[in-house]
Amino acid sequence: MAKSKLKVDDRALKKMVQQGVKKMADDLTRALNGLTARYQGKPLEEIKPQIQRVWAKHSGGGSITDPELTQFAEQIQAGGRVTVRTK
């Protein structure tokens, strides 16, 4: 079998990954803010599972840490907006 060399443009790859992560964060932000109309004023115990569901759906099955989950749930409960940021 012939050996082949694969050249990877690290800069281009990094840019593509960053764009994908930003799109996922934007999609998550939109979807989580979509919960506000229905869950504003509701108990946190009712809001948290919905956030986890949305998070898993828009992150390919990923999970959210409890402090972030609580923070987002409190914002939604208060009728505020949440923002998912990339690092």
N, C-alpha and C. Protein backbone atom coordinates (compact mmCIF):
# COMPACT_ATOMS: atom_id res chain seq x y z
N MET A 1 0.82 -1.17 0.00
CA MET A 1 0.00 0.00 0.00
C MET A 1 0.88 1.24 0.00
N ALA A 2 0.49 2.22 -0.77
CA ALA A 2 1.26 3.45 -0.86
C ALA A 2 0.98 4.32 0.36
N LYS A 3 2.03 4.96 0.84
CA LYS A 3 1.88 5.89 1.96
C LYS A 3 1.53 7.26 1.40
N SER A 4 0.66 7.93 2.08
CA SER A 4 0.33 9.28 1.66
C SER A 4 0.48 10.21 2.85
N LYS A 5 0.86 11.41 2.53
CA LYS A 5 1.01 12.41 3.58
C LYS A 5 -0.18 13.34 3.52
N LEU A 6 -0.73 13.59 4.66
CA LEU A 6 -1.86 14.49 4.76
C LEU A 6 -1.37 15.79 5.36
N LYS A 7 -1.61 16.86 4.64
CA LYS A 7 -1.23 18.18 5.14
C LYS A 7 -2.48 18.84 5.70
N VAL A 8 -2.37 19.38 6.88
CA VAL A 8 -3.49 20.04 7.53
C VAL A 8 -3.11 21.50 7.74
N ASP A 9 -3.99 22.36 7.30
CA ASP A 9 -3.80 23.78 7.54
C ASP A 9 -4.36 24.07 8.93
N ASP A 10 -3.47 24.12 9.91
CA ASP A 10 -3.88 24.29 11.30
C ASP A 10 -4.72 25.55 11.51
N ARG A 11 -4.33 26.62 10.87
CA ARG A 11 -5.04 27.89 11.03
C ARG A 11 -6.47 27.77 10.50
N ALA A 12 -6.62 27.17 9.33
CA ALA A 12 -7.94 27.01 8.73
C ALA A 12 -8.80 26.05 9.57
N LEU A 13 -8.19 25.00 10.07
CA LEU A 13 -8.91 24.04 10.91
C LEU A 13 -9.39 24.71 12.20
N LYS A 14 -8.53 25.48 12.82
CA LYS A 14 -8.88 26.19 14.05
C LYS A 14 -10.04 27.16 13.79
N LYS A 15 -9.99 27.86 12.66
CA LYS A 15 -11.05 28.81 12.31
C LYS A 15 -12.38 28.09 12.11
N MET A 16 -12.36 26.94 11.44
CA MET A 16 -13.59 26.18 11.23
C MET A 16 -14.17 25.70 12.55
N VAL A 17 -13.33 25.24 13.44
CA VAL A 17 -13.79 24.76 14.75
C VAL A 17 -14.40 25.92 15.53
N GLN A 18 -13.74 27.07 15.54
CA GLN A 18 -14.25 28.24 16.25
C GLN A 18 -15.60 28.68 15.70
N GLN A 19 -15.76 28.64 14.38
CA GLN A 19 -17.04 29.01 13.77
C GLN A 19 -18.13 28.03 14.18
N GLY A 20 -17.80 26.75 14.23
CA GLY A 20 -18.78 25.75 14.64
C GLY A 20 -19.20 25.92 16.09
N VAL A 21 -18.24 26.22 16.94
CA VAL A 21 -18.54 26.42 18.36
C VAL A 21 -19.38 27.68 18.54
N LYS A 22 -19.07 28.73 17.80
CA LYS A 22 -19.85 29.96 17.90
C LYS A 22 -21.29 29.72 17.44
N LYS A 23 -21.47 28.99 16.34
CA LYS A 23 -22.82 28.69 15.86
C LYS A 23 -23.59 27.89 16.89
N MET A 24 -22.94 26.91 17.52
CA MET A 24 -23.62 26.12 18.54
C MET A 24 -24.02 27.01 19.72
N ALA A 25 -23.14 27.91 20.15
CA ALA A 25 -23.47 28.82 21.26
C ALA A 25 -24.63 29.73 20.89
N ASP A 26 -24.63 30.23 19.66
CA ASP A 26 -25.73 31.08 19.20
C ASP A 26 -27.06 30.32 19.17
N ASP A 27 -27.01 29.08 18.67
CA ASP A 27 -28.22 28.24 18.62
C ASP A 27 -28.73 27.94 20.02
N LEU A 28 -27.82 27.64 20.93
CA LEU A 28 -28.21 27.38 22.32
C LEU A 28 -28.83 28.62 22.96
N THR A 29 -28.22 29.77 22.73
CA THR A 29 -28.74 31.02 23.29
C THR A 29 -30.17 31.26 22.81
N ARG A 30 -30.40 31.11 21.51
CA ARG A 30 -31.74 31.31 20.94
C ARG A 30 -32.75 30.32 21.54
N ALA A 31 -32.36 29.06 21.60
CA ALA A 31 -33.28 28.02 22.10
C ALA A 31 -33.58 28.21 23.58
N LEU A 32 -32.57 28.56 24.37
CA LEU A 32 -32.80 28.76 25.80
C LEU A 32 -33.68 29.98 26.04
N ASN A 33 -33.44 31.04 25.30
CA ASN A 33 -34.28 32.23 25.46
C ASN A 33 -35.71 31.96 25.01
N GLY A 34 -35.89 30.98 24.15
CA GLY A 34 -37.23 30.59 23.73
C GLY A 34 -38.05 29.97 24.86
N LEU A 35 -37.38 29.53 25.93
CA LEU A 35 -38.07 28.95 27.07
C LEU A 35 -38.70 30.02 27.98
N THR A 36 -38.23 31.24 27.89
CA THR A 36 -38.65 32.29 28.83
C THR A 36 -40.16 32.52 28.81
N ALA A 37 -40.75 32.63 27.64
CA ALA A 37 -42.19 32.92 27.55
C ALA A 37 -43.02 31.87 28.30
N ARG A 38 -42.62 30.64 28.22
CA ARG A 38 -43.40 29.56 28.84
C ARG A 38 -43.05 29.33 30.31
N TYR A 39 -41.80 29.57 30.68
CA TYR A 39 -41.34 29.18 32.02
C TYR A 39 -41.06 30.35 32.95
N GLN A 40 -41.28 31.56 32.52
CA GLN A 40 -41.10 32.72 33.40
C GLN A 40 -42.02 32.56 34.62
N GLY A 41 -41.46 32.72 35.80
CA GLY A 41 -42.24 32.63 37.03
C GLY A 41 -42.47 31.21 37.54
N LYS A 42 -42.06 30.22 36.79
CA LYS A 42 -42.24 28.81 37.19
C LYS A 42 -41.14 28.41 38.17
N PRO A 43 -41.36 27.33 38.92
CA PRO A 43 -40.32 26.85 39.85
C PRO A 43 -39.07 26.38 39.09
N LEU A 44 -37.92 26.57 39.73
CA LEU A 44 -36.65 26.15 39.11
C LEU A 44 -36.66 24.67 38.77
N GLU A 45 -37.30 23.85 39.61
CA GLU A 45 -37.34 22.40 39.38
C GLU A 45 -38.09 22.05 38.10
N GLU A 46 -38.94 22.95 37.63
CA GLU A 46 -39.67 22.75 36.38
C GLU A 46 -38.85 23.26 35.19
N ILE A 47 -38.04 24.26 35.42
CA ILE A 47 -37.27 24.88 34.34
C ILE A 47 -36.00 24.09 34.03
N LYS A 48 -35.33 23.61 35.05
CA LYS A 48 -34.03 22.93 34.85
C LYS A 48 -34.09 21.76 33.87
N PRO A 49 -35.08 20.87 33.97
CA PRO A 49 -35.11 19.76 33.00
C PRO A 49 -35.29 20.25 31.56
N GLN A 50 -35.99 21.35 31.38
CA GLN A 50 -36.19 21.89 30.03
C GLN A 50 -34.87 22.44 29.48
N ILE A 51 -34.12 23.09 30.35
CA ILE A 51 -32.80 23.60 29.94
C ILE A 51 -31.90 22.43 29.56
N GLN A 52 -31.89 21.38 30.38
CA GLN A 52 -31.07 20.21 30.08
C GLN A 52 -31.47 19.58 28.75
N ARG A 53 -32.77 19.52 28.49
CA ARG A 53 -33.27 18.94 27.23
C ARG A 53 -32.78 19.76 26.04
N VAL A 54 -32.94 21.08 26.13
CA VAL A 54 -32.51 21.98 25.05
C VAL A 54 -31.00 21.90 24.88
N TRP A 55 -30.27 21.87 25.98
CA TRP A 55 -28.81 21.82 25.92
C TRP A 55 -28.35 20.55 25.21
N ALA A 56 -28.92 19.41 25.60
CA ALA A 56 -28.53 18.14 24.98
C ALA A 56 -28.86 18.14 23.50
N LYS A 57 -30.01 18.67 23.14
CA LYS A 57 -30.43 18.69 21.74
C LYS A 57 -29.50 19.53 20.87
N HIS A 58 -29.10 20.70 21.37
CA HIS A 58 -28.32 21.63 20.56
C HIS A 58 -26.81 21.47 20.73
N SER A 59 -26.39 20.57 21.62
CA SER A 59 -24.95 20.36 21.80
C SER A 59 -24.54 18.94 21.45
N GLY A 60 -25.39 18.25 20.74
CA GLY A 60 -25.06 16.88 20.34
C GLY A 60 -25.02 15.91 21.49
N GLY A 61 -25.86 16.14 22.50
CA GLY A 61 -25.92 15.23 23.65
C GLY A 61 -25.08 15.67 24.82
N GLY A 62 -24.52 16.87 24.75
CA GLY A 62 -23.68 17.37 25.83
C GLY A 62 -24.49 17.70 27.07
N SER A 63 -23.77 17.94 28.16
CA SER A 63 -24.44 18.28 29.42
C SER A 63 -23.97 19.65 29.88
N ILE A 64 -24.69 20.18 30.85
CA ILE A 64 -24.41 21.50 31.39
C ILE A 64 -24.09 21.33 32.88
N THR A 65 -23.17 22.13 33.39
CA THR A 65 -22.81 22.03 34.80
C THR A 65 -23.94 22.58 35.67
N ASP A 66 -24.03 22.10 36.89
CA ASP A 66 -25.11 22.53 37.78
C ASP A 66 -25.10 24.04 38.05
N PRO A 67 -23.93 24.66 38.29
CA PRO A 67 -23.98 26.11 38.51
C PRO A 67 -24.53 26.88 37.30
N GLU A 68 -24.15 26.47 36.09
CA GLU A 68 -24.67 27.13 34.89
C GLU A 68 -26.16 26.86 34.73
N LEU A 69 -26.56 25.62 34.99
CA LEU A 69 -27.96 25.24 34.89
C LEU A 69 -28.81 26.10 35.81
N THR A 70 -28.37 26.24 37.04
CA THR A 70 -29.10 27.05 38.02
C THR A 70 -29.14 28.52 37.59
N GLN A 71 -28.01 29.03 37.13
CA GLN A 71 -27.95 30.43 36.70
C GLN A 71 -28.91 30.69 35.54
N PHE A 72 -28.90 29.82 34.54
CA PHE A 72 -29.81 29.99 33.41
C PHE A 72 -31.26 29.86 33.86
N ALA A 73 -31.55 28.90 34.72
CA ALA A 73 -32.92 28.70 35.20
C ALA A 73 -33.41 29.93 35.96
N GLU A 74 -32.56 30.52 36.77
CA GLU A 74 -32.94 31.73 37.51
C GLU A 74 -33.22 32.89 36.56
N GLN A 75 -32.42 33.01 35.52
CA GLN A 75 -32.64 34.08 34.53
C GLN A 75 -33.96 33.90 33.81
N ILE A 76 -34.23 32.67 33.39
CA ILE A 76 -35.48 32.37 32.69
C ILE A 76 -36.66 32.59 33.62
N GLN A 77 -36.53 32.15 34.86
CA GLN A 77 -37.60 32.33 35.84
C GLN A 77 -37.93 33.81 36.04
N ALA A 78 -36.90 34.64 36.03
CA ALA A 78 -37.08 36.08 36.24
C ALA A 78 -37.52 36.81 34.96
N GLY A 79 -37.60 36.08 33.86
CA GLY A 79 -37.99 36.71 32.59
C GLY A 79 -36.84 37.35 31.87
N GLY A 80 -35.62 37.06 32.31
CA GLY A 80 -34.43 37.64 31.69
C GLY A 80 -33.95 36.82 30.50
N ARG A 81 -32.87 37.29 29.93
CA ARG A 81 -32.25 36.62 28.78
C ARG A 81 -30.97 35.95 29.23
N VAL A 82 -30.65 34.85 28.57
CA VAL A 82 -29.39 34.16 28.82
C VAL A 82 -28.52 34.25 27.59
N THR A 83 -27.23 34.16 27.80
CA THR A 83 -26.27 34.14 26.70
C THR A 83 -25.27 33.02 26.93
N VAL A 84 -25.14 32.15 25.96
CA VAL A 84 -24.14 31.09 26.01
C VAL A 84 -22.90 31.64 25.33
N ARG A 85 -21.81 31.68 26.06
CA ARG A 85 -20.56 32.23 25.52
C ARG A 85 -19.55 31.12 25.29
N THR A 86 -18.70 31.35 24.32
CA THR A 86 -17.59 30.44 24.07
C THR A 86 -16.39 30.94 24.86
N LYS A 87 -15.49 30.05 25.12
CA LYS A 87 -14.28 30.44 25.86
C LYS A 87 -13.20 30.88 24.93
